[in-house]
């Protein structure tokens, strides 16, 4: 099939590998898009029908909807192969669409590639068909904050700007709507390393990379997935190698591996640094954030006035400001966002599914009632490992404790006076343990989780003094989960 033409998907036989649960993921979004475009879909997942009931029901709702919506187009009922993978579903098809949570080295994907079957993802399909400028953000840490900042900045250009990828939603969810507008709607994509893995062929076919590639940093994480640090770095390199000389790479000078990666791109490199001031980019000078392009310096504003004041967020501020200015956002609008932005999190955000364990970020649940709502959604049979706790607000916790007992198999408590109360009230009812920081909390939660478990960060309390605010707490949860 000709992957450069969207019409090629009509009647094509396509296997979607990895459906996922709770919506928003690449597998479900790809299925929805393929259904709408008339593909004959085989959906295969190692989870069984009971585990995926909610997702399967969604798919069938879409199937029925599209049959009515497109009476002159063949809309095929999908075939579900659940609880197993079969070789024939990867060898006798036109394309395999792989979900980000499914590792590339899975034998079935390798078999498909060996036979010449195209292997795509929701992100690679978006790059193929969205011909307008894309800002793509990756990195080991801080990429969500950078993406959110950039999203707020480019919305100053266009209120309809889209933020997608590893946050909020798959870009395929809205691609048809964006293309119908026939305008260069700003798009910011957060891309994990495994989202990048299926991009090389797509970027080679279309002859370009993202208009602006942002890499916040690269640290030796994710080594359970990659054979060594070099292999992990190579996954980040994918974002740069497809770029053209007319495009831009925004990199963090203070992260040494990125200085090596900079040699891999043909794009114009803009450096960001708290100290380095030699080249075009964004840096700190005399207490101010400064943007330099073509050797002309523009003061963005004092570091002391930033909404994100923690030192670890400075690189996120610099990279997002630089990328936004390159995209055409005004200096005044960048200043405004940097002063007002203190962080962002979606309620009940799906961070990742790995080893059939689902990680949900509900850091904005700072009251017992918000956590109760999350537990009722994700914990019907005592299958939740809950990360909770923080500072007491002198509220009634009895209903929360009753809900935890019904829905949770284990609770990891973060530091704080509310955690002391939770520990006492849960004694003899649900097992608990304490964690001194988010990294150890996620590690402890992972050790208690089994296949089918939901690890839920839903604190039911503010996080101070351990976390500056709930957004910092959520960002640390994301980073810890992504390094598992």
Protein backbone atom coordinates (compact mmCIF):
# COMPACT_ATOMS: atom_id res chain seq x y z
CA UNK A 1 0.00 0.00 0.00
CA UNK A 2 1.09 3.59 -0.63
CA UNK A 3 1.48 5.07 2.85
CA UNK A 4 1.86 8.57 1.45
CA UNK A 5 -1.80 8.60 0.43
CA UNK A 6 -4.55 8.58 3.06
CA UNK A 7 -6.97 6.97 0.62
CA UNK A 8 -4.78 3.83 0.64
CA UNK A 9 -6.25 2.88 4.01
CA UNK A 10 -9.64 2.18 2.50
CA UNK A 11 -10.03 -1.64 2.36
CA UNK A 12 -6.45 -2.17 3.65
CA UNK A 13 -5.95 -5.05 6.10
CA UNK A 14 -4.35 -3.62 9.24
CA UNK A 15 -3.36 -5.16 12.56
CA UNK A 16 -3.49 -2.88 15.60
CA UNK A 17 -1.11 -4.25 18.20
CA UNK A 18 -2.02 -3.13 21.71
CA UNK A 19 -5.48 -1.67 22.29
CA UNK A 20 -5.01 -0.36 25.82
CA UNK A 21 -7.47 0.71 28.48
CA UNK A 22 -9.07 3.93 29.73
CA UNK A 23 -8.94 5.83 26.44
CA UNK A 24 -6.54 8.43 25.06
CA UNK A 25 -3.84 5.93 24.10
CA UNK A 26 -2.34 5.28 20.70
CA UNK A 27 -4.01 1.89 20.15
CA UNK A 28 -7.55 3.11 20.68
CA UNK A 29 -6.99 6.32 18.74
CA UNK A 30 -5.38 4.50 15.83
CA UNK A 31 -8.29 2.04 15.76
CA UNK A 32 -10.77 4.90 15.68
CA UNK A 33 -8.94 6.61 12.80
CA UNK A 34 -8.53 3.38 10.81
CA UNK A 35 -12.21 2.52 11.23
CA UNK A 36 -13.19 5.93 9.95
CA UNK A 37 -10.92 5.54 6.94
CA UNK A 38 -12.33 2.16 5.94
CA UNK A 39 -9.59 -0.27 6.98
CA UNK A 40 -10.21 -3.92 7.76
CA UNK A 41 -8.82 -4.09 11.28
CA UNK A 42 -7.48 -6.96 13.37
CA UNK A 43 -7.05 -5.84 17.00
CA UNK A 44 -4.69 -7.99 19.04
CA UNK A 45 -3.75 -7.57 22.69
CA UNK A 46 -2.37 -9.86 25.40
CA UNK A 47 -5.04 -8.58 27.78
CA UNK A 48 -8.23 -10.62 27.61
CA UNK A 49 -11.77 -9.53 26.72
CA UNK A 50 -12.75 -8.95 30.34
CA UNK A 51 -9.82 -6.61 30.97
CA UNK A 52 -10.48 -4.69 27.76
CA UNK A 53 -14.28 -4.63 27.91
CA UNK A 54 -14.50 -0.84 28.18
CA UNK A 55 -12.17 -0.34 25.20
CA UNK A 56 -13.88 -3.02 23.10
CA UNK A 57 -17.25 -1.41 23.77
CA UNK A 58 -15.85 1.94 22.66
CA UNK A 59 -14.56 0.47 19.41
CA UNK A 60 -17.92 -1.08 18.62
CA UNK A 61 -19.67 2.22 19.33
CA UNK A 62 -17.39 3.90 16.81
CA UNK A 63 -18.00 1.13 14.27
CA UNK A 64 -21.77 1.61 14.50
CA UNK A 65 -21.43 5.39 14.41
CA UNK A 66 -19.23 5.41 11.30
CA UNK A 67 -21.47 2.97 9.45
CA UNK A 68 -24.26 5.53 9.78
CA UNK A 69 -22.05 8.56 9.22
CA UNK A 70 -20.42 7.24 6.01
CA UNK A 71 -23.12 5.29 4.13
CA UNK A 72 -21.15 5.45 0.86
CA UNK A 73 -17.94 4.07 2.38
CA UNK A 74 -17.18 0.48 3.36
CA UNK A 75 -16.82 0.43 7.15
CA UNK A 76 -15.66 -2.99 8.34
CA UNK A 77 -16.43 -4.59 11.69
CA UNK A 78 -13.12 -5.13 13.50
CA UNK A 79 -11.86 -8.57 14.46
CA UNK A 80 -10.67 -8.93 18.07
CA UNK A 81 -7.89 -11.41 18.90
CA UNK A 82 -7.49 -10.94 22.66
CA UNK A 83 -5.43 -12.73 25.26
CA UNK A 84 -2.87 -13.74 22.63
CA UNK A 85 -0.92 -12.75 19.53
CA UNK A 86 -0.88 -14.87 16.37
CA UNK A 87 1.84 -14.79 13.72
CA UNK A 88 -0.67 -14.72 10.85
CA UNK A 89 -2.05 -11.41 12.10
CA UNK A 90 1.36 -9.83 11.50
CA UNK A 91 2.39 -11.55 8.27
CA UNK A 92 -0.78 -11.61 6.15
CA UNK A 93 -1.68 -7.93 6.46
CA UNK A 94 -0.85 -4.67 4.69
CA UNK A 95 0.33 -2.84 7.80
CA UNK A 96 0.86 -3.23 11.54
CA UNK A 97 0.06 -0.23 13.73
CA UNK A 98 1.98 -0.60 16.96
CA UNK A 99 0.97 1.08 20.20
CA UNK A 100 3.74 2.98 22.03
CA UNK A 101 3.49 0.73 25.08
CA UNK A 102 4.39 -2.34 22.99
CA UNK A 103 8.12 -2.82 22.76
CA UNK A 104 9.60 -2.74 19.25
CA UNK A 105 11.59 -5.92 19.79
CA UNK A 106 8.46 -8.01 20.26
CA UNK A 107 8.96 -11.03 18.04
CA UNK A 108 5.75 -10.53 16.06
CA UNK A 109 6.73 -7.00 15.05
CA UNK A 110 10.14 -8.25 13.99
CA UNK A 111 8.50 -10.98 11.91
CA UNK A 112 6.34 -8.38 10.19
CA UNK A 113 9.31 -6.16 9.38
CA UNK A 114 11.31 -9.15 8.11
CA UNK A 115 8.53 -9.93 5.64
CA UNK A 116 8.35 -6.32 4.48
CA UNK A 117 5.10 -5.44 6.24
CA UNK A 118 4.98 -1.75 7.14
CA UNK A 119 5.03 -1.01 10.87
CA UNK A 120 3.54 2.35 11.85
CA UNK A 121 2.21 4.12 14.95
CA UNK A 122 -0.34 6.84 15.64
CA UNK A 123 2.53 9.37 15.76
CA UNK A 124 4.16 8.24 12.51
CA UNK A 125 0.78 8.45 10.75
CA UNK A 126 0.31 11.98 12.04
CA UNK A 127 3.70 13.03 10.68
CA UNK A 128 2.86 11.46 7.32
CA UNK A 129 -0.38 13.38 6.81
CA UNK A 130 -0.04 16.65 8.74
CA UNK A 131 2.03 18.71 6.32
CA UNK A 132 2.18 21.86 8.48
CA UNK A 133 4.90 22.80 11.02
CA UNK A 134 5.15 20.52 14.05
CA UNK A 135 6.96 21.26 17.31
CA UNK A 136 8.12 17.95 18.80
CA UNK A 137 9.43 17.66 22.36
CA UNK A 138 11.33 14.76 23.87
CA UNK A 139 13.83 14.17 26.68
CA UNK A 140 14.30 12.07 29.78
CA UNK A 141 12.96 14.65 32.23
CA UNK A 142 10.89 17.78 32.02
CA UNK A 143 9.34 17.15 28.60
CA UNK A 144 5.77 17.36 29.90
CA UNK A 145 6.32 20.74 31.54
CA UNK A 146 8.08 22.02 28.41
CA UNK A 147 5.24 20.74 26.23
CA UNK A 148 2.58 22.32 28.43
CA UNK A 149 4.43 25.63 28.49
CA UNK A 150 4.81 25.57 24.72
CA UNK A 151 1.14 24.72 24.36
CA UNK A 152 0.14 27.79 26.35
CA UNK A 153 2.49 29.95 24.30
CA UNK A 154 1.38 28.82 20.84
CA UNK A 155 -2.27 29.23 21.88
CA UNK A 156 -1.46 32.94 21.83
CA UNK A 157 -1.00 32.49 18.07
CA UNK A 158 -4.10 30.34 17.63
CA UNK A 159 -6.60 29.43 20.33
CA UNK A 160 -7.16 26.13 18.48
CA UNK A 161 -3.53 25.03 18.84
CA UNK A 162 -3.18 21.34 19.67
CA UNK A 163 -1.07 19.68 22.37
CA UNK A 164 -0.87 15.90 22.02
CA UNK A 165 1.35 12.83 21.99
CA UNK A 166 2.51 11.57 25.36
CA UNK A 167 0.09 13.97 27.08
CA UNK A 168 -3.66 14.52 26.83
CA UNK A 169 -4.43 12.60 23.65
CA UNK A 170 -3.12 10.90 20.54
CA UNK A 171 -2.62 13.34 17.64
CA UNK A 172 -4.75 11.07 15.46
CA UNK A 173 -7.77 12.06 17.55
CA UNK A 174 -8.00 15.42 15.80
CA UNK A 175 -5.95 15.11 12.61
CA UNK A 176 -8.96 14.99 10.29
CA UNK A 177 -10.38 18.11 11.92
CA UNK A 178 -7.02 19.92 11.64
CA UNK A 179 -6.58 18.98 7.98
CA UNK A 180 -10.10 20.15 7.16
CA UNK A 181 -9.14 23.64 8.37
CA UNK A 182 -6.42 23.85 5.68
CA UNK A 183 -4.39 26.21 7.85
CA UNK A 184 -1.14 25.82 9.76
CA UNK A 185 -2.67 25.22 13.17
CA UNK A 186 0.16 25.12 15.74
CA UNK A 187 0.83 21.60 16.98
CA UNK A 188 3.03 20.60 19.93
CA UNK A 189 3.75 16.90 20.40
CA UNK A 190 5.37 15.34 23.45
CA UNK A 191 7.14 12.18 22.28
CA UNK A 192 8.61 9.43 24.44
CA UNK A 193 11.60 7.47 23.17
CA UNK A 194 9.38 4.52 22.21
CA UNK A 195 7.05 6.85 20.32
CA UNK A 196 10.06 7.88 18.26
CA UNK A 197 11.03 4.34 17.32
CA UNK A 198 8.56 4.01 14.42
CA UNK A 199 9.29 7.45 13.00
CA UNK A 200 12.42 6.94 10.82
CA UNK A 201 10.61 5.42 7.82
CA UNK A 202 7.85 8.03 7.92
CA UNK A 203 10.33 10.92 8.13
CA UNK A 204 12.39 9.46 5.30
CA UNK A 205 9.30 9.07 3.13
CA UNK A 206 8.08 12.64 3.65
CA UNK A 207 11.59 14.13 3.51
CA UNK A 208 11.40 16.26 6.63
CA UNK A 209 11.37 16.15 10.41
CA UNK A 210 9.57 18.38 12.89
CA UNK A 211 9.88 22.07 12.09
CA UNK A 212 11.18 22.56 15.64
CA UNK A 213 12.69 19.63 17.57
CA UNK A 214 13.16 20.19 21.31
CA UNK A 215 15.23 17.84 23.48
CA UNK A 216 15.26 18.81 27.14
CA UNK A 217 17.98 16.38 28.30
CA UNK A 218 19.12 12.77 28.06
CA UNK A 219 20.03 10.74 31.16
CA UNK A 220 20.79 7.00 31.56
CA UNK A 221 17.23 5.85 32.21
CA UNK A 222 14.90 3.31 30.54
CA UNK A 223 17.77 0.83 30.39
CA UNK A 224 15.42 -2.08 31.05
CA UNK A 225 14.07 -1.41 27.55
CA UNK A 226 17.33 -0.53 25.77
CA UNK A 227 20.46 -2.65 25.71
CA UNK A 228 22.62 0.27 26.86
CA UNK A 229 22.67 4.05 27.22
CA UNK A 230 23.92 4.51 23.66
CA UNK A 231 20.85 2.73 22.33
CA UNK A 232 18.61 4.98 24.41
CA UNK A 233 20.40 8.10 23.14
CA UNK A 234 19.98 6.80 19.58
CA UNK A 235 16.20 6.74 20.10
CA UNK A 236 16.29 10.48 20.84
CA UNK A 237 18.52 11.07 17.83
CA UNK A 238 15.63 10.01 15.58
CA UNK A 239 13.95 13.36 16.21
CA UNK A 240 16.94 15.23 14.76
CA UNK A 241 18.19 13.10 11.88
CA UNK A 242 15.11 13.68 9.70
CA UNK A 243 15.37 17.46 9.89
CA UNK A 244 16.29 19.75 7.02
CA UNK A 245 18.54 22.86 7.06
CA UNK A 246 15.40 25.05 7.10
CA UNK A 247 14.25 23.53 10.39
CA UNK A 248 15.33 24.15 14.00
CA UNK A 249 16.69 22.06 16.87
CA UNK A 250 16.39 23.49 20.41
CA UNK A 251 18.82 21.71 22.73
CA UNK A 252 20.01 22.01 26.32
CA UNK A 253 23.72 22.88 26.35
CA UNK A 254 23.99 21.99 30.04
CA UNK A 255 23.26 18.33 29.24
CA UNK A 256 26.49 16.98 27.74
CA UNK A 257 25.02 14.11 25.63
CA UNK A 258 23.05 16.67 23.65
CA UNK A 259 26.24 18.36 22.48
CA UNK A 260 27.08 15.11 20.70
CA UNK A 261 23.55 14.71 19.34
CA UNK A 262 23.72 18.20 17.86
CA UNK A 263 26.19 16.92 15.27
CA UNK A 264 23.51 14.54 13.94
CA UNK A 265 21.12 17.16 12.61
CA UNK A 266 21.15 19.35 9.52
CA UNK A 267 18.82 21.79 11.26
CA UNK A 268 19.88 25.14 12.71
CA UNK A 269 20.73 24.49 16.39
CA UNK A 270 19.61 26.88 19.13
CA UNK A 271 21.23 26.24 22.51
CA UNK A 272 19.61 26.81 25.90
CA UNK A 273 21.64 27.17 29.07
CA UNK A 274 21.73 28.72 32.52
CA UNK A 275 25.33 29.84 31.87
CA UNK A 276 26.44 29.30 28.25
CA UNK A 277 26.03 32.44 26.09
CA UNK A 278 28.10 31.81 22.99
CA UNK A 279 25.51 30.98 20.31
CA UNK A 280 21.93 31.67 19.26
CA UNK A 281 19.37 30.35 21.72
CA UNK A 282 17.97 31.16 25.15
CA UNK A 283 20.07 31.66 28.26
CA UNK A 284 20.35 33.50 31.57
CA UNK A 285 22.31 36.73 31.73
CA UNK A 286 22.47 39.06 34.76
CA UNK A 287 19.34 37.52 36.26
CA UNK A 288 17.28 37.74 33.04
CA UNK A 289 16.05 35.19 30.53
CA UNK A 290 17.55 36.32 27.22
CA UNK A 291 16.76 35.15 23.66
CA UNK A 292 19.41 35.47 20.98
CA UNK A 293 18.88 35.07 17.24
CA UNK A 294 21.27 36.24 14.55
CA UNK A 295 23.47 37.68 17.32
CA UNK A 296 20.71 40.02 18.52
CA UNK A 297 19.74 39.71 22.20
CA UNK A 298 16.19 40.25 23.44
CA UNK A 299 15.41 40.29 27.17
CA UNK A 300 12.40 38.08 27.97
CA UNK A 301 12.22 38.97 31.64
CA UNK A 302 13.72 38.43 35.11
CA UNK A 303 14.20 34.89 36.36
CA UNK A 304 12.76 36.08 39.69
CA UNK A 305 9.38 36.71 38.02
CA UNK A 306 8.98 33.22 36.54
CA UNK A 307 5.89 31.28 37.56
CA UNK A 308 8.02 28.12 37.64
CA UNK A 309 10.65 29.11 40.18
CA UNK A 310 12.39 25.81 40.96
CA UNK A 311 15.92 25.45 39.53
CA UNK A 312 15.04 22.16 37.82
CA UNK A 313 12.39 23.97 35.78
CA UNK A 314 14.76 26.60 34.39
CA UNK A 315 15.77 24.41 31.44
CA UNK A 316 12.07 23.85 30.67
CA UNK A 317 11.51 27.60 30.68
CA UNK A 318 14.46 28.25 28.39
CA UNK A 319 13.67 25.53 25.84
CA UNK A 320 9.96 26.36 25.67
CA UNK A 321 10.58 30.10 25.30
CA UNK A 322 13.15 29.53 22.56
CA UNK A 323 10.91 27.16 20.59
CA UNK A 324 7.87 29.44 20.93
CA UNK A 325 9.78 32.47 19.67
CA UNK A 326 11.06 30.46 16.72
CA UNK A 327 7.44 29.47 15.97
CA UNK A 328 6.46 33.14 15.85
CA UNK A 329 4.99 33.79 19.30
CA UNK A 330 5.63 37.39 20.36
CA UNK A 331 8.05 38.28 23.15
CA UNK A 332 5.19 39.85 25.12
CA UNK A 333 3.11 36.66 24.92
CA UNK A 334 6.06 34.51 25.97
CA UNK A 335 6.65 36.85 28.91
CA UNK A 336 3.00 36.65 29.92
CA UNK A 337 2.93 32.84 29.93
CA UNK A 338 6.22 32.51 31.80
CA UNK A 339 4.94 34.79 34.57
CA UNK A 340 1.57 33.08 34.98
CA UNK A 341 2.34 29.39 34.36
CA UNK A 342 2.91 27.36 37.53
CA UNK A 343 2.29 23.89 36.06
CA UNK A 344 -0.48 21.81 34.57
CA UNK A 345 -1.94 18.35 34.93
CA UNK A 346 -4.99 16.66 33.49
CA UNK A 347 -7.16 14.83 36.03
CA UNK A 348 -6.71 11.06 35.83
CA UNK A 349 -4.00 11.24 33.16
CA UNK A 350 -2.85 7.92 31.70
CA UNK A 351 0.93 8.11 31.95
CA UNK A 352 1.96 4.65 30.78
CA UNK A 353 1.05 0.99 30.58
CA UNK A 354 3.97 -1.38 31.12
CA UNK A 355 4.00 -5.08 31.98
CA UNK A 356 0.17 -4.90 31.98
CA UNK A 357 0.29 -2.39 34.84
CA UNK A 358 -1.44 0.96 34.26
CA UNK A 359 -0.07 4.17 35.80
CA UNK A 360 -2.54 7.02 36.33
CA UNK A 361 -1.59 10.55 37.38
CA UNK A 362 -4.36 12.23 39.38
CA UNK A 363 -2.12 14.67 41.23
CA UNK A 364 -4.82 17.37 41.07
CA UNK A 365 -6.92 15.25 43.48
CA UNK A 366 -6.06 17.25 46.59
CA UNK A 367 -9.29 16.49 48.49
CA UNK A 368 -10.77 13.20 49.76
CA UNK A 369 -13.80 13.52 47.44
CA UNK A 370 -11.58 13.81 44.33
CA UNK A 371 -9.63 10.69 45.32
CA UNK A 372 -12.87 8.83 46.05
CA UNK A 373 -14.05 9.60 42.49
CA UNK A 374 -10.79 8.25 41.05
CA UNK A 375 -10.90 5.09 43.16
CA UNK A 376 -14.49 4.37 42.12
CA UNK A 377 -13.41 4.65 38.47
CA UNK A 378 -10.25 2.54 38.61
CA UNK A 379 -10.70 0.23 41.58
CA UNK A 380 -13.68 -2.08 41.45
CA UNK A 381 -12.10 -5.26 42.85
CA UNK A 382 -9.29 -4.21 45.15
CA UNK A 383 -6.84 -3.93 42.27
CA UNK A 384 -5.41 -0.44 42.91
CA UNK A 385 -2.03 0.40 44.39
CA UNK A 386 -2.63 3.93 45.65
CA UNK A 387 -0.03 6.66 46.11
CA UNK A 388 -1.54 9.14 48.54
CA UNK A 389 -0.91 11.48 51.42
CA UNK A 390 0.43 14.91 52.13
CA UNK A 391 -0.58 17.63 54.54
CA UNK A 392 -3.74 17.38 56.65
CA UNK A 393 -6.53 19.88 55.90
CA UNK A 394 -8.64 19.02 59.00
CA UNK A 395 -11.35 17.30 56.95
CA UNK A 396 -13.29 14.06 57.45
CA UNK A 397 -11.43 11.08 55.95
CA UNK A 398 -13.85 8.30 56.91
CA UNK A 399 -15.52 7.91 53.50
CA UNK A 400 -12.11 7.99 51.82
CA UNK A 401 -10.79 5.24 54.09
CA UNK A 402 -13.89 3.10 53.44
CA UNK A 403 -13.36 3.52 49.68
CA UNK A 404 -9.67 2.66 49.95
CA UNK A 405 -10.52 -0.55 51.81
CA UNK A 406 -12.93 -1.57 49.04
CA UNK A 407 -10.72 -0.69 46.09
CA UNK A 408 -7.03 -0.90 47.06
CA UNK A 409 -4.64 -3.78 47.62
CA UNK A 410 -1.83 -1.56 48.92
CA UNK A 411 -1.20 2.11 49.77
CA UNK A 412 2.11 3.95 49.50
CA UNK A 413 2.08 7.08 51.65
CA UNK A 414 4.06 10.22 50.81
CA UNK A 415 5.39 12.38 53.67
CA UNK A 416 2.93 14.59 55.55
CA UNK A 417 0.53 14.89 58.45
CA UNK A 418 -2.40 13.52 56.42
CA UNK A 419 -0.32 10.42 55.73
CA UNK A 420 0.06 9.87 59.47
CA UNK A 421 -3.73 9.90 59.79
CA UNK A 422 -4.23 7.58 56.80
CA UNK A 423 -1.72 5.09 58.20
CA UNK A 424 -3.51 4.94 61.55
CA UNK A 425 -7.00 4.65 60.04
CA UNK A 426 -5.94 1.92 57.56
CA UNK A 427 -4.10 -0.21 60.12
CA UNK A 428 -5.30 -3.81 59.93
CA UNK A 429 -7.48 -3.06 56.89
CA UNK A 430 -5.11 -2.42 53.94
CA UNK A 431 -1.33 -2.76 53.89
CA UNK A 432 0.60 0.51 53.84
CA UNK A 433 4.19 1.64 53.61
CA UNK A 434 5.95 5.02 53.67
CA UNK A 435 8.08 6.63 50.96
CA UNK A 436 10.29 9.68 51.44
CA UNK A 437 10.09 10.92 47.84
CA UNK A 438 8.25 10.26 44.60
CA UNK A 439 10.91 8.07 43.01
CA UNK A 440 10.88 5.63 45.93
CA UNK A 441 7.06 5.80 46.08
CA UNK A 442 6.77 4.66 42.46
CA UNK A 443 9.38 1.95 43.00
CA UNK A 444 7.47 0.62 46.02
CA UNK A 445 4.17 0.76 44.13
CA UNK A 446 5.65 -1.17 41.22
CA UNK A 447 6.91 -3.86 43.60
CA UNK A 448 3.37 -4.34 44.96
CA UNK A 449 1.64 -4.33 41.57
CA UNK A 450 0.77 -7.38 39.48
CA UNK A 451 -0.66 -7.86 36.02
CA UNK A 452 -3.91 -5.91 35.72
CA UNK A 453 -3.12 -3.55 38.60
CA UNK A 454 -3.68 0.20 38.39
CA UNK A 455 -1.02 2.31 40.14
CA UNK A 456 -2.87 5.51 40.97
CA UNK A 457 -1.37 8.75 42.21
CA UNK A 458 -4.38 10.43 43.84
CA UNK A 459 -3.12 12.06 47.03
CA UNK A 460 -6.33 13.40 48.65
CA UNK A 461 -4.16 16.14 50.18
CA UNK A 462 -1.76 18.95 49.26
CA UNK A 463 1.87 17.91 48.95
CA UNK A 464 3.73 20.74 50.68
CA UNK A 465 6.46 20.90 51.88
CA UNK A 466 7.75 17.96 49.80
CA UNK A 467 6.37 19.42 46.53
CA UNK A 468 6.07 23.09 45.62
CA UNK A 469 2.59 22.38 44.24
CA UNK A 470 0.51 19.56 42.81
CA UNK A 471 1.94 20.11 39.32
CA UNK A 472 5.50 19.50 40.50
CA UNK A 473 4.23 16.36 42.23
CA UNK A 474 2.58 15.16 39.01
CA UNK A 475 5.68 15.90 36.94
CA UNK A 476 7.85 13.91 39.34
CA UNK A 477 5.38 11.02 39.13
CA UNK A 478 5.52 11.06 35.32
CA UNK A 479 9.30 11.13 35.31
CA UNK A 480 9.54 8.27 37.83
CA UNK A 481 7.06 6.12 35.91
CA UNK A 482 8.81 6.69 32.61
CA UNK A 483 12.11 5.47 34.02
CA UNK A 484 10.70 2.10 35.10
